[in-house]
Amino acid sequence: MALWRISVKSSGTVNGIRLEKGMFVEMPTPVSMSDPLRSNVSENKPKINNLFVSKYGVDLLKAGLISTSHLESEKIS
């Protein structure tokens, strides 16, 4: 099991969704080296979105912002 920090790279508004640089969520993955933004992306997008909706009330799927262009991931444990 690994824990990943997924954070917003830069501030901006896309499709009415306002993001601030530094907003982040933490996401556990069952495989220690599986970066949630680069592996099983179709499975991980809804999970990542739910974490951002729960914490910040922003729907990243609606704005099409769940990608390595807008988010970065870092393994924290």
C-alpha atoms as a PDB file:
ATOM      1  CA  MET A   1       0.000   0.000   0.000  1.00  0.00           C
ATOM      2  CA  ALA A   2       1.183   3.503  -0.822  1.00  0.00           C
ATOM      3  CA  LEU A   3      -0.117   6.972  -0.076  1.00  0.00           C
ATOM      4  CA  TRP A   4       0.005   9.639  -2.795  1.00  0.00           C
ATOM      5  CA  ARG A   5      -0.460  13.401  -2.570  1.00  0.00           C
ATOM      6  CA  ILE A   6      -2.209  14.762  -5.647  1.00  0.00           C
ATOM      7  CA  SER A   7      -1.947  18.526  -5.912  1.00  0.00           C
ATOM      8  CA  VAL A   8      -2.929  21.330  -8.270  1.00  0.00           C
ATOM      9  CA  LYS A   9       0.004  22.697 -10.309  1.00  0.00           C
ATOM     10  CA  SER A  10      -1.255  26.224 -10.942  1.00  0.00           C
ATOM     11  CA  SER A  11      -4.147  28.536 -10.124  1.00  0.00           C
ATOM     12  CA  GLY A  12      -6.863  29.253 -12.638  1.00  0.00           C
ATOM     13  CA  THR A  13     -10.506  28.909 -13.652  1.00  0.00           C
ATOM     14  CA  VAL A  14     -11.579  26.307 -16.221  1.00  0.00           C
ATOM     15  CA  ASN A  15     -15.226  25.731 -17.187  1.00  0.00           C
ATOM     16  CA  GLY A  16     -16.300  27.672 -14.106  1.00  0.00           C
ATOM     17  CA  ILE A  17     -14.158  25.597 -11.740  1.00  0.00           C
ATOM     18  CA  ARG A  18     -11.697  27.677  -9.697  1.00  0.00           C
ATOM     19  CA  LEU A  19      -8.486  25.977  -8.598  1.00  0.00           C
ATOM     20  CA  GLU A  20      -5.711  27.342  -6.444  1.00  0.00           C
ATOM     21  CA  LYS A  21      -2.136  26.137  -6.650  1.00  0.00           C
ATOM     22  CA  GLY A  22      -1.393  23.896  -3.690  1.00  0.00           C
ATOM     23  CA  MET A  23      -4.865  22.407  -3.264  1.00  0.00           C
ATOM     24  CA  PHE A  24      -4.268  18.728  -2.599  1.00  0.00           C
ATOM     25  CA  VAL A  25      -5.812  15.426  -1.634  1.00  0.00           C
ATOM     26  CA  GLU A  26      -4.228  12.232  -0.377  1.00  0.00           C
ATOM     27  CA  MET A  27      -5.041   8.947  -2.087  1.00  0.00           C
ATOM     28  CA  PRO A  28      -4.014   5.437  -1.047  1.00  0.00           C
ATOM     29  CA  THR A  29      -3.207   2.877  -3.731  1.00  0.00           C
ATOM     30  CA  PRO A  30      -2.940  -0.885  -3.247  1.00  0.00           C
ATOM     31  CA  VAL A  31       0.308  -1.208  -5.216  1.00  0.00           C
ATOM     32  CA  SER A  32       3.277   0.717  -3.856  1.00  0.00           C
ATOM     33  CA  MET A  33       4.543   2.040  -7.194  1.00  0.00           C
ATOM     34  CA  SER A  34       1.266   2.719  -9.003  1.00  0.00           C
ATOM     35  CA  ASP A  35       1.020   6.481  -9.530  1.00  0.00           C
ATOM     36  CA  PRO A  36      -2.740   7.206  -9.655  1.00  0.00           C
ATOM     37  CA  LEU A  37      -2.286   9.859 -12.375  1.00  0.00           C
ATOM     38  CA  ARG A  38      -0.302   7.537 -14.645  1.00  0.00           C
ATOM     39  CA  SER A  39      -1.693   4.042 -14.104  1.00  0.00           C
ATOM     40  CA  ASN A  40      -5.291   2.806 -14.163  1.00  0.00           C
ATOM     41  CA  VAL A  41      -6.257   6.357 -15.063  1.00  0.00           C
ATOM     42  CA  SER A  42      -9.817   5.534 -16.128  1.00  0.00           C
ATOM     43  CA  GLU A  43     -10.379   3.792 -12.787  1.00  0.00           C
ATOM     44  CA  ASN A  44      -8.610   6.454 -10.711  1.00  0.00           C
ATOM     45  CA  LYS A  45     -10.201   9.591 -12.212  1.00  0.00           C
ATOM     46  CA  PRO A  46     -13.545   9.170 -10.396  1.00  0.00           C
ATOM     47  CA  LYS A  47     -11.724   8.378  -7.137  1.00  0.00           C
ATOM     48  CA  ILE A  48      -9.517  11.459  -7.435  1.00  0.00           C
ATOM     49  CA  ASN A  49     -12.560  13.559  -8.326  1.00  0.00           C
ATOM     50  CA  ASN A  50     -14.503  12.301  -5.301  1.00  0.00           C
ATOM     51  CA  LEU A  51     -11.608  13.280  -3.030  1.00  0.00           C
ATOM     52  CA  PHE A  52     -11.548  16.841  -4.442  1.00  0.00           C
ATOM     53  CA  VAL A  53     -15.353  17.127  -4.269  1.00  0.00           C
ATOM     54  CA  SER A  54     -15.346  15.951  -0.642  1.00  0.00           C
ATOM     55  CA  LYS A  55     -12.546  18.259   0.451  1.00  0.00           C
ATOM     56  CA  TYR A  56     -13.064  21.382  -1.678  1.00  0.00           C
ATOM     57  CA  GLY A  57     -16.440  21.005  -3.403  1.00  0.00           C
ATOM     58  CA  VAL A  58     -14.869  21.231  -6.876  1.00  0.00           C
ATOM     59  CA  ASP A  59     -15.736  18.803  -9.671  1.00  0.00           C
ATOM     60  CA  LEU A  60     -12.543  18.264 -11.641  1.00  0.00           C
ATOM     61  CA  LEU A  61     -14.163  15.752 -14.001  1.00  0.00           C
ATOM     62  CA  LYS A  62     -16.679  18.371 -15.125  1.00  0.00           C
ATOM     63  CA  ALA A  63     -13.831  20.704 -16.054  1.00  0.00           C
ATOM     64  CA  GLY A  64     -11.647  17.963 -17.544  1.00  0.00           C
ATOM     65  CA  LEU A  65      -8.819  18.759 -15.137  1.00  0.00           C
ATOM     66  CA  ILE A  66      -7.748  15.305 -13.987  1.00  0.00           C
ATOM     67  CA  SER A  67      -4.525  14.974 -15.942  1.00  0.00           C
ATOM     68  CA  THR A  68      -0.801  15.395 -15.514  1.00  0.00           C
ATOM     69  CA  SER A  69      -1.168  18.771 -17.240  1.00  0.00           C
ATOM     70  CA  HIS A  70      -3.074  20.210 -14.274  1.00  0.00           C
ATOM     71  CA  LEU A  71      -2.216  17.887 -11.380  1.00  0.00           C
ATOM     72  CA  GLU A  72       0.971  16.397  -9.989  1.00  0.00           C
ATOM     73  CA  SER A  73       1.417  13.373  -7.768  1.00  0.00           C
ATOM     74  CA  GLU A  74       3.984  12.612  -5.136  1.00  0.00           C
ATOM     75  CA  LYS A  75       4.412   9.394  -3.184  1.00  0.00           C
ATOM     76  CA  ILE A  76       4.412  10.300   0.510  1.00  0.00           C
ATOM     77  CA  SER A  77       4.591   6.832   2.070  1.00  0.00           C
END
